[in-house]
C-alpha atoms as a PDB file:
ATOM      1  CA  MET A   1      57.034 219.762   3.256  1.00  0.00           C
ATOM      2  CA  PRO A   2      54.893 219.025   7.114  1.00  0.00           C
ATOM      3  CA  ALA A   3      55.618 215.711   6.421  1.00  0.00           C
ATOM      4  CA  LEU A   4      58.517 214.979   5.841  1.00  0.00           C
ATOM      5  CA  ALA A   5      59.212 216.478   8.967  1.00  0.00           C
ATOM      6  CA  MET A   6      56.942 214.679  10.428  1.00  0.00           C
ATOM      7  CA  GLY A   7      57.059 211.980   8.944  1.00  0.00           C
ATOM      8  CA  GLN A   8      61.708 211.765   9.756  1.00  0.00           C
ATOM      9  CA  MET A   9      60.467 212.754  13.361  1.00  0.00           C
ATOM     10  CA  PHE A  10      58.428 209.557  13.591  1.00  0.00           C
ATOM     11  CA  GLY A  11      60.407 207.579  11.444  1.00  0.00           C
ATOM     12  CA  LEU A  12      57.211 206.738   9.295  1.00  0.00           C
ATOM     13  CA  PRO A  13      59.293 205.270   5.283  1.00  0.00           C
ATOM     14  CA  GLU A  14      59.239 208.168   3.276  1.00  0.00           C
ATOM     15  CA  ASP A  15      57.253 205.913   0.465  1.00  0.00           C
ATOM     16  CA  GLN A  16      54.633 205.986   2.097  1.00  0.00           C
ATOM     17  CA  LEU A  17      54.692 209.642   3.441  1.00  0.00           C
ATOM     18  CA  GLU A  18      52.477 211.100   0.800  1.00  0.00           C
ATOM     19  CA  TYR A  19      50.029 208.158   1.535  1.00  0.00           C
ATOM     20  CA  MET A  20      49.863 209.219   5.234  1.00  0.00           C
ATOM     21  CA  ALA A  21      49.337 212.451   4.461  1.00  0.00           C
ATOM     22  CA  GLU A  22      46.655 211.715   2.067  1.00  0.00           C
ATOM     23  CA  ALA A  23      44.520 209.328   4.479  1.00  0.00           C
ATOM     24  CA  VAL A  24      44.897 211.819   7.750  1.00  0.00           C
ATOM     25  CA  THR A  25      43.381 214.941   5.173  1.00  0.00           C
ATOM     26  CA  VAL A  26      40.943 212.823   4.189  1.00  0.00           C
ATOM     27  CA  SER A  27      39.861 211.521   7.177  1.00  0.00           C
ATOM     28  CA  LEU A  28      39.145 214.950   8.748  1.00  0.00           C
ATOM     29  CA  LEU A  29      36.952 215.950   5.949  1.00  0.00           C
ATOM     30  CA  SER A  30      33.006 215.495   6.209  1.00  0.00           C
ATOM     31  CA  ASN A  31      31.863 212.793   4.165  1.00  0.00           C
ATOM     32  CA  ASP A  32      31.209 209.132   3.519  1.00  0.00           C
ATOM     33  CA  GLU A  33      34.909 208.870   2.303  1.00  0.00           C
ATOM     34  CA  ALA A  34      36.797 210.328   6.166  1.00  0.00           C
ATOM     35  CA  MET A  35      36.058 206.642   8.020  1.00  0.00           C
ATOM     36  CA  ALA A  36      37.703 204.307   5.739  1.00  0.00           C
ATOM     37  CA  ALA A  37      40.567 206.630   5.228  1.00  0.00           C
ATOM     38  CA  GLN A  38      40.916 207.204   8.705  1.00  0.00           C
ATOM     39  CA  GLN A  39      40.983 203.324   8.320  1.00  0.00           C
ATOM     40  CA  ARG A  40      43.875 204.191   5.789  1.00  0.00           C
ATOM     41  CA  ALA A  41      46.508 205.698   8.258  1.00  0.00           C
ATOM     42  CA  ALA A  42      44.890 203.290  11.466  1.00  0.00           C
ATOM     43  CA  GLU A  43      46.844 200.854   9.282  1.00  0.00           C
ATOM     44  CA  VAL A  44      49.974 202.706   8.270  1.00  0.00           C
ATOM     45  CA  VAL A  45      50.926 203.135  12.297  1.00  0.00           C
ATOM     46  CA  GLN A  46      50.266 199.651  13.093  1.00  0.00           C
ATOM     47  CA  ARG A  47      53.334 198.775  10.082  1.00  0.00           C
ATOM     48  CA  LEU A  48      54.959 201.336  12.115  1.00  0.00           C
ATOM     49  CA  VAL A  49      54.938 200.467  15.145  1.00  0.00           C
ATOM     50  CA  ALA A  50      55.576 196.406  14.453  1.00  0.00           C
ATOM     51  CA  ALA A  51      58.077 197.970  13.245  1.00  0.00           C
ATOM     52  CA  LYS A  52      59.721 200.255  15.641  1.00  0.00           C
ATOM     53  CA  ARG A  53      59.182 197.614  18.225  1.00  0.00           C
ATOM     54  CA  GLU A  54      61.503 195.139  16.424  1.00  0.00           C
ATOM     55  CA  GLU A  55      63.945 198.116  15.036  1.00  0.00           C
ATOM     56  CA  PRO A  56      63.837 200.930  17.655  1.00  0.00           C
ATOM     57  CA  GLY A  57      65.195 204.684  15.679  1.00  0.00           C
ATOM     58  CA  PRO A  58      65.969 207.810  16.927  1.00  0.00           C
ATOM     59  CA  ASP A  59      62.197 208.856  16.397  1.00  0.00           C
ATOM     60  CA  VAL A  60      59.026 209.751  18.633  1.00  0.00           C
ATOM     61  CA  THR A  61      57.752 206.366  17.801  1.00  0.00           C
ATOM     62  CA  SER A  62      60.701 204.482  19.268  1.00  0.00           C
ATOM     63  CA  ARG A  63      61.046 206.728  22.428  1.00  0.00           C
ATOM     64  CA  PHE A  64      56.816 206.345  22.646  1.00  0.00           C
ATOM     65  CA  ILE A  65      57.194 202.638  23.097  1.00  0.00           C
ATOM     66  CA  GLN A  66      59.741 202.469  25.109  1.00  0.00           C
ATOM     67  CA  ASN A  67      58.318 205.267  28.146  1.00  0.00           C
ATOM     68  CA  SER A  68      55.112 203.522  27.604  1.00  0.00           C
ATOM     69  CA  PRO A  69      55.525 200.016  28.881  1.00  0.00           C
ATOM     70  CA  ASP A  70      51.894 199.466  29.871  1.00  0.00           C
ATOM     71  CA  LEU A  71      50.157 200.505  26.694  1.00  0.00           C
ATOM     72  CA  THR A  72      49.117 197.998  23.996  1.00  0.00           C
ATOM     73  CA  ASP A  73      49.320 197.946  20.647  1.00  0.00           C
ATOM     74  CA  GLU A  74      46.348 199.057  20.486  1.00  0.00           C
ATOM     75  CA  GLN A  75      46.973 202.060  22.472  1.00  0.00           C
ATOM     76  CA  LEU A  76      50.135 203.026  21.044  1.00  0.00           C
ATOM     77  CA  VAL A  77      48.102 203.061  17.833  1.00  0.00           C
ATOM     78  CA  GLY A  78      45.909 205.229  19.306  1.00  0.00           C
ATOM     79  CA  ASP A  79      47.640 207.756  20.958  1.00  0.00           C
ATOM     80  CA  LEU A  80      49.768 208.269  17.957  1.00  0.00           C
ATOM     81  CA  MET A  81      47.020 208.452  15.513  1.00  0.00           C
ATOM     82  CA  VAL A  82      46.060 211.884  17.229  1.00  0.00           C
ATOM     83  CA  MET A  83      49.211 213.055  17.189  1.00  0.00           C
ATOM     84  CA  ILE A  84      50.174 212.712  13.346  1.00  0.00           C
ATOM     85  CA  ALA A  85      46.316 213.652  12.540  1.00  0.00           C
ATOM     86  CA  ALA A  86      46.732 216.938  15.100  1.00  0.00           C
ATOM     87  CA  GLY A  87      50.566 217.704  13.700  1.00  0.00           C
ATOM     88  CA  MET A  88      50.972 217.006  10.053  1.00  0.00           C
ATOM     89  CA  PRO A  89      47.805 218.539   8.910  1.00  0.00           C
ATOM     90  CA  ALA A  90      47.437 221.502  10.864  1.00  0.00           C
ATOM     91  CA  THR A  91      51.057 223.130  10.484  1.00  0.00           C
ATOM     92  CA  SER A  92      50.423 222.293   6.622  1.00  0.00           C
ATOM     93  CA  TYR A  93      46.600 224.349   6.893  1.00  0.00           C
ATOM     94  CA  TRP A  94      48.903 226.902   8.986  1.00  0.00           C
ATOM     95  CA  ILE A  95      51.020 227.810   6.183  1.00  0.00           C
ATOM     96  CA  GLY A  96      48.827 228.029   3.707  1.00  0.00           C
ATOM     97  CA  ASN A  97      46.015 229.614   5.604  1.00  0.00           C
ATOM     98  CA  THR A  98      48.961 233.233   6.489  1.00  0.00           C
ATOM     99  CA  VAL A  99      50.216 232.712   2.718  1.00  0.00           C
ATOM    100  CA  ARG A 100      46.730 233.359   2.110  1.00  0.00           C
ATOM    101  CA  LEU A 101      46.629 236.512   4.300  1.00  0.00           C
ATOM    102  CA  MET A 102      49.761 237.739   2.777  1.00  0.00           C
ATOM    103  CA  LEU A 103      47.916 237.408  -0.300  1.00  0.00           C
ATOM    104  CA  THR A 104      45.550 239.000   0.102  1.00  0.00           C
ATOM    105  CA  ASP A 105      46.059 241.161   2.732  1.00  0.00           C
ATOM    106  CA  ASP A 106      47.083 244.887   2.499  1.00  0.00           C
ATOM    107  CA  ARG A 107      48.664 245.375   5.797  1.00  0.00           C
ATOM    108  CA  PHE A 108      51.332 242.045   4.680  1.00  0.00           C
ATOM    109  CA  THR A 109      52.607 243.698   1.025  1.00  0.00           C
ATOM    110  CA  MET A 110      55.751 244.611   2.143  1.00  0.00           C
ATOM    111  CA  THR A 111      56.266 240.789   3.384  1.00  0.00           C
ATOM    112  CA  LEU A 112      55.779 239.833   0.010  1.00  0.00           C
ATOM    113  CA  ALA A 113      58.059 242.405  -0.843  1.00  0.00           C
ATOM    114  CA  GLY A 114      61.311 241.225   1.503  1.00  0.00           C
ATOM    115  CA  ASN A 115      60.568 242.759   4.936  1.00  0.00           C
ATOM    116  CA  ARG A 116      60.259 239.041   6.601  1.00  0.00           C
ATOM    117  CA  ARG A 117      59.471 240.537  10.172  1.00  0.00           C
ATOM    118  CA  SER A 118      55.224 240.712   9.383  1.00  0.00           C
ATOM    119  CA  ILE A 119      55.148 236.808   8.675  1.00  0.00           C
ATOM    120  CA  GLY A 120      55.318 236.399  12.781  1.00  0.00           C
ATOM    121  CA  GLU A 121      52.352 239.063  12.324  1.00  0.00           C
ATOM    122  CA  ALA A 122      50.357 236.803  10.379  1.00  0.00           C
ATOM    123  CA  MET A 123      51.113 233.676  11.437  1.00  0.00           C
ATOM    124  CA  ASN A 124      50.048 234.508  14.768  1.00  0.00           C
ATOM    125  CA  GLU A 125      46.660 236.531  13.221  1.00  0.00           C
ATOM    126  CA  VAL A 126      46.167 233.346  11.734  1.00  0.00           C
ATOM    127  CA  LEU A 127      45.796 231.828  15.190  1.00  0.00           C
ATOM    128  CA  TRP A 128      43.380 233.876  16.251  1.00  0.00           C
ATOM    129  CA  ALA A 129      41.338 234.609  13.515  1.00  0.00           C
ATOM    130  CA  ASP A 130      41.571 231.432  11.273  1.00  0.00           C
ATOM    131  CA  SER A 131      43.361 228.928  12.635  1.00  0.00           C
ATOM    132  CA  PRO A 132      44.116 226.069  11.178  1.00  0.00           C
ATOM    133  CA  LEU A 133      42.252 223.302  14.159  1.00  0.00           C
ATOM    134  CA  GLN A 134      38.498 224.138  14.102  1.00  0.00           C
ATOM    135  CA  ASN A 135      37.139 222.157  16.580  1.00  0.00           C
ATOM    136  CA  VAL A 136      38.401 219.132  19.167  1.00  0.00           C
ATOM    137  CA  ILE A 137      36.073 216.589  19.228  1.00  0.00           C
ATOM    138  CA  GLY A 138      35.573 214.903  22.068  1.00  0.00           C
ATOM    139  CA  ARG A 139      36.429 215.560  25.640  1.00  0.00           C
ATOM    140  CA  PHE A 140      34.140 214.373  28.778  1.00  0.00           C
ATOM    141  CA  ALA A 141      33.387 215.750  31.450  1.00  0.00           C
ATOM    142  CA  THR A 142      34.248 214.254  34.532  1.00  0.00           C
ATOM    143  CA  ARG A 143      31.724 215.845  36.871  1.00  0.00           C
ATOM    144  CA  ASP A 144      28.518 218.233  36.551  1.00  0.00           C
ATOM    145  CA  THR A 145      28.965 221.349  35.977  1.00  0.00           C
ATOM    146  CA  THR A 146      27.693 225.071  34.239  1.00  0.00           C
ATOM    147  CA  LEU A 147      29.791 227.295  31.653  1.00  0.00           C
ATOM    148  CA  GLY A 148      28.642 229.656  29.665  1.00  0.00           C
ATOM    149  CA  GLY A 149      25.089 229.494  31.114  1.00  0.00           C
ATOM    150  CA  GLN A 150      24.911 225.372  29.754  1.00  0.00           C
ATOM    151  CA  ARG A 151      24.407 222.567  31.864  1.00  0.00           C
ATOM    152  CA  ILE A 152      26.836 220.028  32.062  1.00  0.00           C
ATOM    153  CA  ARG A 153      26.023 216.792  33.161  1.00  0.00           C
ATOM    154  CA  ALA A 154      29.361 213.678  33.998  1.00  0.00           C
ATOM    155  CA  GLY A 155      29.954 211.821  31.227  1.00  0.00           C
ATOM    156  CA  ASP A 156      28.960 214.183  28.413  1.00  0.00           C
ATOM    157  CA  LEU A 157      30.734 214.695  25.764  1.00  0.00           C
ATOM    158  CA  LEU A 158      32.026 217.857  24.403  1.00  0.00           C
ATOM    159  CA  VAL A 159      32.826 219.886  21.577  1.00  0.00           C
ATOM    160  CA  LEU A 160      35.974 221.807  22.196  1.00  0.00           C
ATOM    161  CA  GLY A 161      35.151 224.802  19.720  1.00  0.00           C
ATOM    162  CA  LEU A 162      39.017 226.533  19.631  1.00  0.00           C
ATOM    163  CA  ALA A 163      37.956 228.946  16.744  1.00  0.00           C
ATOM    164  CA  ALA A 164      35.267 230.517  18.655  1.00  0.00           C
ATOM    165  CA  ALA A 165      36.660 230.668  22.337  1.00  0.00           C
ATOM    166  CA  ASN A 166      39.619 232.760  20.518  1.00  0.00           C
ATOM    167  CA  ALA A 167      36.496 235.513  18.329  1.00  0.00           C
ATOM    168  CA  ASP A 168      35.031 235.823  22.086  1.00  0.00           C
ATOM    169  CA  PRO A 169      33.497 239.570  22.321  1.00  0.00           C
ATOM    170  CA  LEU A 170      35.118 239.199  25.434  1.00  0.00           C
ATOM    171  CA  LEU A 171      38.358 238.950  24.410  1.00  0.00           C
ATOM    172  CA  TRP A 172      38.543 242.182  22.206  1.00  0.00           C
ATOM    173  CA  PRO A 173      35.881 244.538  23.159  1.00  0.00           C
ATOM    174  CA  ASP A 174      37.800 246.846  20.822  1.00  0.00           C
ATOM    175  CA  ALA A 175      37.309 245.483  17.238  1.00  0.00           C
ATOM    176  CA  GLY A 176      40.175 247.777  16.252  1.00  0.00           C
ATOM    177  CA  ALA A 177      42.736 246.690  18.598  1.00  0.00           C
ATOM    178  CA  GLY A 178      44.540 243.872  16.345  1.00  0.00           C
ATOM    179  CA  TYR A 179      46.347 240.573  17.101  1.00  0.00           C
ATOM    180  CA  ALA A 180      49.647 242.225  17.212  1.00  0.00           C
ATOM    181  CA  GLY A 181      51.719 240.716  20.645  1.00  0.00           C
ATOM    182  CA  ASN A 182      49.288 238.216  21.809  1.00  0.00           C
ATOM    183  CA  ASN A 183      50.047 235.155  22.337  1.00  0.00           C
ATOM    184  CA  ALA A 184      46.485 234.073  24.622  1.00  0.00           C
ATOM    185  CA  TYR A 185      44.977 232.591  21.167  1.00  0.00           C
ATOM    186  CA  VAL A 186      43.673 228.631  22.405  1.00  0.00           C
ATOM    187  CA  SER A 187      44.301 227.331  18.519  1.00  0.00           C
ATOM    188  CA  PHE A 188      46.878 224.927  20.120  1.00  0.00           C
ATOM    189  CA  THR A 189      44.442 223.754  23.337  1.00  0.00           C
ATOM    190  CA  GLY A 190      45.635 223.670  26.790  1.00  0.00           C
ATOM    191  CA  GLY A 191      46.238 222.126  29.840  1.00  0.00           C
ATOM    192  CA  ASP A 192      46.706 218.536  30.438  1.00  0.00           C
ATOM    193  CA  TYR A 193      45.636 217.585  27.432  1.00  0.00           C
ATOM    194  CA  GLY A 194      46.667 219.973  25.350  1.00  0.00           C
ATOM    195  CA  CYS A 195      49.322 219.366  22.355  1.00  0.00           C
ATOM    196  CA  PRO A 196      52.294 218.752  23.982  1.00  0.00           C
ATOM    197  CA  ALA A 197      55.744 220.054  25.372  1.00  0.00           C
ATOM    198  CA  GLY A 198      57.331 221.609  22.483  1.00  0.00           C
ATOM    199  CA  ALA A 199      55.392 221.224  19.567  1.00  0.00           C
ATOM    200  CA  PRO A 200      53.424 224.436  19.197  1.00  0.00           C
ATOM    201  CA  ASP A 201      56.983 225.277  18.691  1.00  0.00           C
ATOM    202  CA  LEU A 202      57.571 222.582  16.456  1.00  0.00           C
ATOM    203  CA  GLY A 203      55.050 223.700  13.865  1.00  0.00           C
ATOM    204  CA  LYS A 204      56.314 227.326  13.925  1.00  0.00           C
ATOM    205  CA  ILE A 205      59.209 226.477  13.483  1.00  0.00           C
ATOM    206  CA  ILE A 206      58.511 223.719  10.459  1.00  0.00           C
ATOM    207  CA  SER A 207      55.763 226.374   8.857  1.00  0.00           C
ATOM    208  CA  GLU A 208      57.536 229.837   9.416  1.00  0.00           C
ATOM    209  CA  THR A 209      60.797 228.544   7.868  1.00  0.00           C
ATOM    210  CA  ALA A 210      58.662 226.688   4.688  1.00  0.00           C
ATOM    211  CA  ILE A 211      57.048 230.641   4.078  1.00  0.00           C
ATOM    212  CA  GLU A 212      60.234 232.727   4.141  1.00  0.00           C
ATOM    213  CA  VAL A 213      61.281 229.921   2.031  1.00  0.00           C
ATOM    214  CA  LEU A 214      58.948 229.897  -0.128  1.00  0.00           C
ATOM    215  CA  LEU A 215      59.182 234.069  -0.178  1.00  0.00           C
ATOM    216  CA  ASP A 216      62.387 233.716  -0.806  1.00  0.00           C
ATOM    217  CA  ARG A 217      63.085 231.791  -4.000  1.00  0.00           C
ATOM    218  CA  VAL A 218      59.002 233.377  -4.888  1.00  0.00           C
ATOM    219  CA  PRO A 219      59.096 236.691  -4.318  1.00  0.00           C
ATOM    220  CA  ASP A 220      56.790 237.503  -7.132  1.00  0.00           C
ATOM    221  CA  LEU A 221      54.055 235.141  -5.493  1.00  0.00           C
ATOM    222  CA  GLU A 222      50.699 236.078  -6.585  1.00  0.00           C
ATOM    223  CA  LEU A 223      46.728 234.797  -6.144  1.00  0.00           C
ATOM    224  CA  ALA A 224      45.450 233.695  -9.700  1.00  0.00           C
ATOM    225  CA  VAL A 225      41.977 234.087  -8.540  1.00  0.00           C
ATOM    226  CA  GLU A 226      39.739 237.143  -6.703  1.00  0.00           C
ATOM    227  CA  PRO A 227      39.788 235.928  -2.859  1.00  0.00           C
ATOM    228  CA  ASP A 228      36.389 235.653  -3.202  1.00  0.00           C
ATOM    229  CA  GLU A 229      36.831 232.960  -5.754  1.00  0.00           C
ATOM    230  CA  LEU A 230      38.893 230.669  -3.256  1.00  0.00           C
ATOM    231  CA  GLN A 231      37.483 227.104  -1.895  1.00  0.00           C
ATOM    232  CA  TRP A 232      36.844 226.189   1.200  1.00  0.00           C
ATOM    233  CA  MET A 233      36.961 222.063   2.632  1.00  0.00           C
ATOM    234  CA  ASP A 234      34.169 220.886   4.443  1.00  0.00           C
ATOM    235  CA  SER A 235      35.321 219.910   8.025  1.00  0.00           C
ATOM    236  CA  LEU A 236      34.531 220.203  10.817  1.00  0.00           C
ATOM    237  CA  TRP A 237      37.587 220.408  13.245  1.00  0.00           C
ATOM    238  CA  TYR A 238      39.914 222.466  10.002  1.00  0.00           C
ATOM    239  CA  ARG A 239      39.670 225.486   8.430  1.00  0.00           C
ATOM    240  CA  CYS A 240      41.488 225.165   5.656  1.00  0.00           C
ATOM    241  CA  LEU A 241      41.695 225.212   1.351  1.00  0.00           C
ATOM    242  CA  VAL A 242      41.183 222.809  -1.166  1.00  0.00           C
ATOM    243  CA  SER A 243      43.473 224.438  -3.420  1.00  0.00           C
ATOM    244  CA  LEU A 244      45.759 227.932  -2.986  1.00  0.00           C
ATOM    245  CA  PRO A 245      46.273 229.156  -6.909  1.00  0.00           C
ATOM    246  CA  VAL A 246      49.349 231.555  -7.666  1.00  0.00           C
ATOM    247  CA  THR A 247      51.778 232.639 -10.007  1.00  0.00           C
ATOM    248  CA  PHE A 248      55.406 233.502 -10.392  1.00  0.00           C
ATOM    249  CA  THR A 249      57.696 233.699 -11.981  1.00  0.00           C
ATOM    250  CA  PRO A 250      59.822 230.841 -12.398  1.00  0.00           C
ATOM    251  CA  ALA A 251      63.593 230.887 -11.199  1.00  0.00           C
ATOM    252  CA  PRO A 252      66.634 229.064 -12.261  1.00  0.00           C
ATOM    253  CA  ALA A 253      68.025 225.669 -11.168  1.00  0.00           C
ATOM    254  CA  ALA A 254      71.207 226.603  -8.886  1.00  0.00           C
ATOM    255  CA  GLY A 255      74.159 223.937  -9.278  1.00  0.00           C
ATOM    256  CA  PRO A 256      74.869 221.420 -11.222  1.00  0.00           C
END
């Protein structure tokens, strides 16, 4: 669903969405296939930029090209890659991590019985405690400074530990306080180089809609394995499951 939504927003041809989603996913893994997958994704975006220069449309890519006349194609591809590689998997993993929480945490069992109010609560908790985007690599210090007692010099490469920042014990002196109503997480980063304005809201709309429709159509969704049998992907960037095995009763198809 995130691939379909973002593909439409960026003007990607529908027949390339699965290929693009696979390439972006593999490019963020910690293995030898990541670089080749990144190149495959970049080639799709290169073709997209060339196509939108020739025939603009009502999409993010066309608007970006029109409003950035000083950027080369290489720069346009790089910027678009960052947006797609951040948005597509992060939204997918936000859905997956939230559904996992609902299926494994007794506090959210009422959601599966039809109480939609706790979907937002689960999504909020995931951003705090199980953030899909764990680290951002990287940023470069523009001047000498000290942070957390560590000396940082101008030009040093920095890794933004978003998950670590969310788990800072200084933020949570009361371990049992919970996360309800607290939206001060940094899962979308922040400042001038944070997620583009509106992007977090779009991610929330896509994720919440996907989860609501899923639970509405398959209300008896249950985890098919023990929680400790779930496997996590090996990635420096993201925290996401390899798969989320479930059981449910198939619903009859509606309509002709």
